[in-house]
Amino acid sequence: MPYVASPSYSESAQARAANLAQCLAPARRFLNETSQASEAEKIEKLVASATTAGWDEEEVRQALDADDAAPNSSAARNIQETATIGLVPTSANTP
């Protein structure tokens, strides 16, 4: 199960949502890199981890839904974060 950090105290709902997004991002990235589970299974694991850490299930599901609906969703970020170690740019192949 991925680790999701506990909420830090905040008075506003907007600050709490930002804190939740910060806590979910590394856990989601970890699952995307290490798990062969379906997206639905990954979401359930994230929800379980976050609720164990003290987050409310409904706010976690809303944050995950909002993240999936964002134009720069996790799938797009994974493409951008692909490792390039050992790859040589095509401009290096020209004399």
C-alpha atoms as a PDB file:
ATOM      1  CA  MET A   1       0.000   0.000   0.000  1.00  0.00           C
ATOM      2  CA  PRO A   2       1.409   3.429  -0.891  1.00  0.00           C
ATOM      3  CA  TYR A   3       2.181   5.909   1.848  1.00  0.00           C
ATOM      4  CA  VAL A   4      -0.007   9.018   2.016  1.00  0.00           C
ATOM      5  CA  ALA A   5       0.992  11.683   4.542  1.00  0.00           C
ATOM      6  CA  SER A   6      -1.441  12.811   7.225  1.00  0.00           C
ATOM      7  CA  PRO A   7      -3.198  16.147   6.846  1.00  0.00           C
ATOM      8  CA  SER A   8      -1.569  19.172   8.367  1.00  0.00           C
ATOM      9  CA  TYR A   9      -3.822  21.601  10.164  1.00  0.00           C
ATOM     10  CA  SER A  10      -5.367  24.266   7.978  1.00  0.00           C
ATOM     11  CA  GLU A  11      -8.337  26.552   8.503  1.00  0.00           C
ATOM     12  CA  SER A  12      -9.477  26.948   4.909  1.00  0.00           C
ATOM     13  CA  ALA A  13     -10.882  24.285   2.630  1.00  0.00           C
ATOM     14  CA  GLN A  14      -8.661  25.511  -0.194  1.00  0.00           C
ATOM     15  CA  ALA A  15      -5.488  25.052   1.882  1.00  0.00           C
ATOM     16  CA  ARG A  16      -6.637  21.592   2.945  1.00  0.00           C
ATOM     17  CA  ALA A  17      -7.287  20.619  -0.681  1.00  0.00           C
ATOM     18  CA  ALA A  18      -3.818  21.844  -1.670  1.00  0.00           C
ATOM     19  CA  ASN A  19      -2.301  19.862   1.218  1.00  0.00           C
ATOM     20  CA  LEU A  20      -4.181  16.748   0.107  1.00  0.00           C
ATOM     21  CA  ALA A  21      -2.950  17.152  -3.467  1.00  0.00           C
ATOM     22  CA  GLN A  22       0.627  17.399  -2.157  1.00  0.00           C
ATOM     23  CA  CYS A  23       0.175  14.240  -0.113  1.00  0.00           C
ATOM     24  CA  LEU A  24      -1.468  12.230  -2.892  1.00  0.00           C
ATOM     25  CA  ALA A  25       0.969  13.105  -5.681  1.00  0.00           C
ATOM     26  CA  PRO A  26       3.958  11.008  -4.526  1.00  0.00           C
ATOM     27  CA  ALA A  27       1.741   8.054  -3.620  1.00  0.00           C
ATOM     28  CA  ARG A  28       0.065   8.149  -7.016  1.00  0.00           C
ATOM     29  CA  ARG A  29       3.418   8.446  -8.781  1.00  0.00           C
ATOM     30  CA  PHE A  30       4.699   5.452  -6.769  1.00  0.00           C
ATOM     31  CA  LEU A  31       1.718   3.330  -7.783  1.00  0.00           C
ATOM     32  CA  ASN A  32       2.018   4.335 -11.429  1.00  0.00           C
ATOM     33  CA  GLU A  33       5.694   3.333 -11.425  1.00  0.00           C
ATOM     34  CA  THR A  34       5.431   0.079  -9.469  1.00  0.00           C
ATOM     35  CA  SER A  35       1.937  -1.369  -9.807  1.00  0.00           C
ATOM     36  CA  GLN A  36       0.414  -3.285 -12.686  1.00  0.00           C
ATOM     37  CA  ALA A  37      -3.046  -2.840 -11.134  1.00  0.00           C
ATOM     38  CA  SER A  38      -5.887  -1.224 -13.034  1.00  0.00           C
ATOM     39  CA  GLU A  39      -6.575   2.480 -12.539  1.00  0.00           C
ATOM     40  CA  ALA A  40      -9.641   1.633 -10.424  1.00  0.00           C
ATOM     41  CA  GLU A  41      -7.543  -0.609  -8.159  1.00  0.00           C
ATOM     42  CA  LYS A  42      -4.898   2.095  -7.811  1.00  0.00           C
ATOM     43  CA  ILE A  43      -7.570   4.621  -6.818  1.00  0.00           C
ATOM     44  CA  GLU A  44      -8.926   2.252  -4.172  1.00  0.00           C
ATOM     45  CA  LYS A  45      -5.427   1.764  -2.771  1.00  0.00           C
ATOM     46  CA  LEU A  46      -4.902   5.532  -2.649  1.00  0.00           C
ATOM     47  CA  VAL A  47      -8.256   6.060  -0.932  1.00  0.00           C
ATOM     48  CA  ALA A  48      -7.501   3.348   1.630  1.00  0.00           C
ATOM     49  CA  SER A  49      -4.053   4.786   2.374  1.00  0.00           C
ATOM     50  CA  ALA A  50      -5.326   8.345   2.628  1.00  0.00           C
ATOM     51  CA  THR A  51      -8.218   7.478   4.938  1.00  0.00           C
ATOM     52  CA  THR A  52      -5.837   5.504   7.139  1.00  0.00           C
ATOM     53  CA  ALA A  53      -3.668   8.645   7.319  1.00  0.00           C
ATOM     54  CA  GLY A  54      -6.624  10.734   8.486  1.00  0.00           C
ATOM     55  CA  TRP A  55      -8.112  12.186   5.322  1.00  0.00           C
ATOM     56  CA  ASP A  56     -11.863  12.059   4.686  1.00  0.00           C
ATOM     57  CA  GLU A  57     -12.794   9.508   2.002  1.00  0.00           C
ATOM     58  CA  GLU A  58     -15.054  11.937   0.143  1.00  0.00           C
ATOM     59  CA  GLU A  59     -12.389  14.647  -0.113  1.00  0.00           C
ATOM     60  CA  VAL A  60      -9.858  12.079  -1.320  1.00  0.00           C
ATOM     61  CA  ARG A  61     -12.192  10.823  -4.043  1.00  0.00           C
ATOM     62  CA  GLN A  62     -12.959  14.404  -5.105  1.00  0.00           C
ATOM     63  CA  ALA A  63      -9.236  15.199  -5.301  1.00  0.00           C
ATOM     64  CA  LEU A  64      -8.553  12.090  -7.366  1.00  0.00           C
ATOM     65  CA  ASP A  65     -11.479  12.862  -9.693  1.00  0.00           C
ATOM     66  CA  ALA A  66     -10.250  16.435 -10.120  1.00  0.00           C
ATOM     67  CA  ASP A  67      -6.733  15.194 -10.838  1.00  0.00           C
ATOM     68  CA  ASP A  68      -8.029  12.773 -13.490  1.00  0.00           C
ATOM     69  CA  ALA A  69     -10.096  15.518 -15.115  1.00  0.00           C
ATOM     70  CA  ALA A  70      -7.188  17.980 -15.245  1.00  0.00           C
ATOM     71  CA  PRO A  71      -5.692  18.572 -18.693  1.00  0.00           C
ATOM     72  CA  ASN A  72      -2.259  17.616 -17.389  1.00  0.00           C
ATOM     73  CA  SER A  73      -3.430  14.329 -15.887  1.00  0.00           C
ATOM     74  CA  SER A  74      -1.154  11.690 -14.433  1.00  0.00           C
ATOM     75  CA  ALA A  75      -0.974   9.851 -17.773  1.00  0.00           C
ATOM     76  CA  ALA A  76       0.315  12.977 -19.508  1.00  0.00           C
ATOM     77  CA  ARG A  77       2.802  13.600 -16.688  1.00  0.00           C
ATOM     78  CA  ASN A  78       4.101  10.041 -16.978  1.00  0.00           C
ATOM     79  CA  ILE A  79       4.907  10.635 -20.633  1.00  0.00           C
ATOM     80  CA  GLN A  80       6.767  13.830 -19.761  1.00  0.00           C
ATOM     81  CA  GLU A  81       8.687  12.153 -16.925  1.00  0.00           C
ATOM     82  CA  THR A  82       9.999   9.262 -19.029  1.00  0.00           C
ATOM     83  CA  ALA A  83      13.672   8.659 -18.338  1.00  0.00           C
ATOM     84  CA  THR A  84      16.085   9.704 -21.068  1.00  0.00           C
ATOM     85  CA  ILE A  85      19.317   8.324 -19.620  1.00  0.00           C
ATOM     86  CA  GLY A  86      21.358   6.750 -22.366  1.00  0.00           C
ATOM     87  CA  LEU A  87      19.421   8.358 -25.191  1.00  0.00           C
ATOM     88  CA  VAL A  88      21.341  10.488 -27.625  1.00  0.00           C
ATOM     89  CA  PRO A  89      19.596  13.420 -29.298  1.00  0.00           C
ATOM     90  CA  THR A  90      19.370  13.146 -33.088  1.00  0.00           C
ATOM     91  CA  SER A  91      21.401  16.338 -33.481  1.00  0.00           C
ATOM     92  CA  ALA A  92      24.382  14.525 -31.903  1.00  0.00           C
ATOM     93  CA  ASN A  93      24.382  12.004 -34.767  1.00  0.00           C
ATOM     94  CA  THR A  94      25.154  14.556 -37.488  1.00  0.00           C
ATOM     95  CA  PRO A  95      28.778  15.271 -38.442  1.00  0.00           C
END
